[in-house]
Amino acid sequence: MFSAAHAAAHTAHAAAHTAHTAAHTTHAATHTTHATTLHATTHATHAAAHAALATHATAACIDDLA
């Protein structure tokens, strides 16, 4: 029959596994957040580049017509 100390060791071991799993979950969530933020920032930068290009092209056309 297991002693109380043996049972407590199993409980502590299980708690360590739970904490380890939670750490992996948190780490994965951080990667997801980072990827989502990076993706959104890339889209915003791309859109800004298009806007700048359109403004530049419009100014060039006006200069050509002048």
N, C-alpha and C. Protein backbone atom coordinates (compact mmCIF):
# COMPACT_ATOMS: atom_id res chain seq x y z
N MET A 1 0.84 -1.19 0.00
CA MET A 1 0.00 0.00 0.00
C MET A 1 0.89 1.26 0.00
N PHE A 2 0.46 2.27 -0.77
CA PHE A 2 1.25 3.50 -0.86
C PHE A 2 1.21 4.26 0.45
N SER A 3 2.30 4.90 0.78
CA SER A 3 2.33 5.76 1.95
C SER A 3 1.76 7.12 1.59
N ALA A 4 1.46 7.91 2.59
CA ALA A 4 0.95 9.27 2.36
C ALA A 4 2.00 10.10 1.62
N ALA A 5 3.27 9.88 1.96
CA ALA A 5 4.35 10.64 1.29
C ALA A 5 4.42 10.28 -0.19
N HIS A 6 4.23 8.98 -0.49
CA HIS A 6 4.26 8.53 -1.88
C HIS A 6 3.09 9.17 -2.65
N ALA A 7 1.93 9.17 -2.04
CA ALA A 7 0.76 9.77 -2.68
C ALA A 7 0.97 11.27 -2.89
N ALA A 8 1.57 11.93 -1.91
CA ALA A 8 1.84 13.37 -2.04
C ALA A 8 2.83 13.64 -3.18
N ALA A 9 3.80 12.75 -3.33
CA ALA A 9 4.77 12.90 -4.42
C ALA A 9 4.09 12.80 -5.77
N HIS A 10 3.14 11.85 -5.89
CA HIS A 10 2.38 11.73 -7.15
C HIS A 10 1.57 12.99 -7.40
N THR A 11 0.96 13.51 -6.37
CA THR A 11 0.15 14.74 -6.52
C THR A 11 1.03 15.90 -6.97
N ALA A 12 2.20 16.03 -6.36
CA ALA A 12 3.12 17.10 -6.73
C ALA A 12 3.60 16.94 -8.17
N HIS A 13 3.87 15.69 -8.55
CA HIS A 13 4.32 15.40 -9.91
C HIS A 13 3.22 15.78 -10.91
N ALA A 14 1.99 15.41 -10.61
CA ALA A 14 0.87 15.76 -11.49
C ALA A 14 0.71 17.27 -11.59
N ALA A 15 0.88 17.97 -10.46
CA ALA A 15 0.77 19.43 -10.48
C ALA A 15 1.86 20.05 -11.34
N ALA A 16 3.04 19.46 -11.30
CA ALA A 16 4.14 19.96 -12.13
C ALA A 16 3.82 19.78 -13.61
N HIS A 17 3.23 18.64 -13.96
CA HIS A 17 2.82 18.43 -15.36
C HIS A 17 1.78 19.46 -15.78
N THR A 18 0.83 19.73 -14.91
CA THR A 18 -0.22 20.71 -15.21
C THR A 18 0.39 22.08 -15.45
N ALA A 19 1.33 22.48 -14.59
CA ALA A 19 1.99 23.78 -14.74
C ALA A 19 2.79 23.83 -16.03
N HIS A 20 3.45 22.74 -16.35
CA HIS A 20 4.26 22.65 -17.57
C HIS A 20 3.35 22.81 -18.80
N THR A 21 2.23 22.11 -18.79
CA THR A 21 1.28 22.19 -19.90
C THR A 21 0.74 23.61 -20.03
N ALA A 22 0.44 24.24 -18.90
CA ALA A 22 -0.06 25.62 -18.93
C ALA A 22 0.98 26.56 -19.52
N ALA A 23 2.25 26.31 -19.19
CA ALA A 23 3.32 27.15 -19.75
C ALA A 23 3.39 27.00 -21.26
N HIS A 24 3.23 25.76 -21.76
CA HIS A 24 3.22 25.55 -23.21
C HIS A 24 2.05 26.28 -23.85
N THR A 25 0.90 26.22 -23.22
CA THR A 25 -0.29 26.89 -23.75
C THR A 25 -0.08 28.40 -23.81
N THR A 26 0.47 28.97 -22.76
CA THR A 26 0.76 30.40 -22.73
C THR A 26 1.78 30.78 -23.80
N HIS A 27 2.80 29.96 -23.94
CA HIS A 27 3.84 30.20 -24.95
C HIS A 27 3.22 30.17 -26.35
N ALA A 28 2.37 29.19 -26.60
CA ALA A 28 1.72 29.09 -27.91
C ALA A 28 0.84 30.30 -28.16
N ALA A 29 0.12 30.75 -27.13
CA ALA A 29 -0.74 31.93 -27.28
C ALA A 29 0.09 33.17 -27.62
N THR A 30 1.27 33.25 -27.03
CA THR A 30 2.16 34.38 -27.32
C THR A 30 2.58 34.35 -28.79
N HIS A 31 2.88 33.16 -29.31
CA HIS A 31 3.23 33.04 -30.73
C HIS A 31 2.06 33.46 -31.60
N THR A 32 0.86 33.04 -31.23
CA THR A 32 -0.33 33.38 -32.01
C THR A 32 -0.56 34.89 -32.02
N THR A 33 -0.44 35.51 -30.85
CA THR A 33 -0.62 36.96 -30.75
C THR A 33 0.42 37.69 -31.59
N HIS A 34 1.66 37.24 -31.49
CA HIS A 34 2.76 37.86 -32.24
C HIS A 34 2.51 37.73 -33.74
N ALA A 35 2.13 36.54 -34.17
CA ALA A 35 1.89 36.31 -35.60
C ALA A 35 0.72 37.16 -36.10
N THR A 36 -0.34 37.25 -35.31
CA THR A 36 -1.51 38.04 -35.71
C THR A 36 -1.15 39.52 -35.81
N THR A 37 -0.40 40.00 -34.82
CA THR A 37 0.02 41.41 -34.81
C THR A 37 0.93 41.70 -36.00
N LEU A 38 1.89 40.81 -36.23
CA LEU A 38 2.82 40.98 -37.35
C LEU A 38 2.07 40.99 -38.67
N HIS A 39 1.11 40.06 -38.81
CA HIS A 39 0.33 39.96 -40.04
C HIS A 39 -0.46 41.24 -40.27
N ALA A 40 -1.13 41.73 -39.22
CA ALA A 40 -1.93 42.95 -39.34
C ALA A 40 -1.04 44.15 -39.66
N THR A 41 0.13 44.21 -39.02
CA THR A 41 1.06 45.31 -39.27
C THR A 41 1.55 45.28 -40.71
N THR A 42 1.82 44.09 -41.20
CA THR A 42 2.28 43.94 -42.59
C THR A 42 1.21 44.43 -43.56
N HIS A 43 -0.05 44.07 -43.30
CA HIS A 43 -1.13 44.54 -44.16
C HIS A 43 -1.26 46.06 -44.11
N ALA A 44 -1.16 46.62 -42.90
CA ALA A 44 -1.28 48.07 -42.75
C ALA A 44 -0.15 48.78 -43.49
N THR A 45 1.05 48.24 -43.38
CA THR A 45 2.21 48.84 -44.07
C THR A 45 2.03 48.76 -45.58
N HIS A 46 1.55 47.62 -46.05
CA HIS A 46 1.31 47.42 -47.48
C HIS A 46 0.27 48.43 -47.99
N ALA A 47 -0.81 48.58 -47.22
CA ALA A 47 -1.86 49.53 -47.61
C ALA A 47 -1.32 50.96 -47.64
N ALA A 48 -0.49 51.29 -46.65
CA ALA A 48 0.09 52.63 -46.60
C ALA A 48 1.01 52.86 -47.81
N ALA A 49 1.73 51.83 -48.20
CA ALA A 49 2.61 51.95 -49.36
C ALA A 49 1.79 52.21 -50.63
N HIS A 50 0.66 51.51 -50.76
CA HIS A 50 -0.21 51.75 -51.92
C HIS A 50 -0.74 53.18 -51.91
N ALA A 51 -1.14 53.66 -50.75
CA ALA A 51 -1.66 55.03 -50.65
C ALA A 51 -0.58 56.04 -51.03
N ALA A 52 0.64 55.80 -50.55
CA ALA A 52 1.74 56.71 -50.88
C ALA A 52 2.04 56.68 -52.37
N LEU A 53 2.00 55.50 -52.95
CA LEU A 53 2.27 55.35 -54.38
C LEU A 53 1.19 56.06 -55.20
N ALA A 54 -0.07 55.92 -54.77
CA ALA A 54 -1.17 56.58 -55.48
C ALA A 54 -1.03 58.10 -55.41
N THR A 55 -0.66 58.60 -54.24
CA THR A 55 -0.46 60.05 -54.08
C THR A 55 0.68 60.53 -54.96
N HIS A 56 1.76 59.77 -54.97
CA HIS A 56 2.93 60.13 -55.78
C HIS A 56 2.57 60.12 -57.27
N ALA A 57 1.85 59.08 -57.68
CA ALA A 57 1.47 58.96 -59.10
C ALA A 57 0.54 60.10 -59.49
N THR A 58 -0.39 60.46 -58.61
CA THR A 58 -1.32 61.57 -58.90
C THR A 58 -0.55 62.87 -59.05
N ALA A 59 0.39 63.11 -58.14
CA ALA A 59 1.20 64.34 -58.21
C ALA A 59 2.01 64.36 -59.50
N ALA A 60 2.56 63.22 -59.91
CA ALA A 60 3.35 63.14 -61.14
C ALA A 60 2.49 63.44 -62.36
N CYS A 61 1.26 62.91 -62.36
CA CYS A 61 0.35 63.16 -63.48
C CYS A 61 0.00 64.63 -63.57
N ILE A 62 -0.25 65.26 -62.43
CA ILE A 62 -0.59 66.69 -62.43
C ILE A 62 0.60 67.50 -62.96
N ASP A 63 1.81 67.10 -62.54
CA ASP A 63 3.01 67.79 -63.04
C ASP A 63 3.14 67.64 -64.55
N ASP A 64 2.85 66.44 -65.04
CA ASP A 64 2.96 66.19 -66.49
C ASP A 64 1.94 67.01 -67.27
N LEU A 65 0.76 67.21 -66.68
CA LEU A 65 -0.29 67.95 -67.37
C LEU A 65 -0.05 69.46 -67.33
N ALA A 66 0.73 69.88 -66.36
CA ALA A 66 0.92 71.33 -66.16
C ALA A 66 1.74 71.98 -67.26
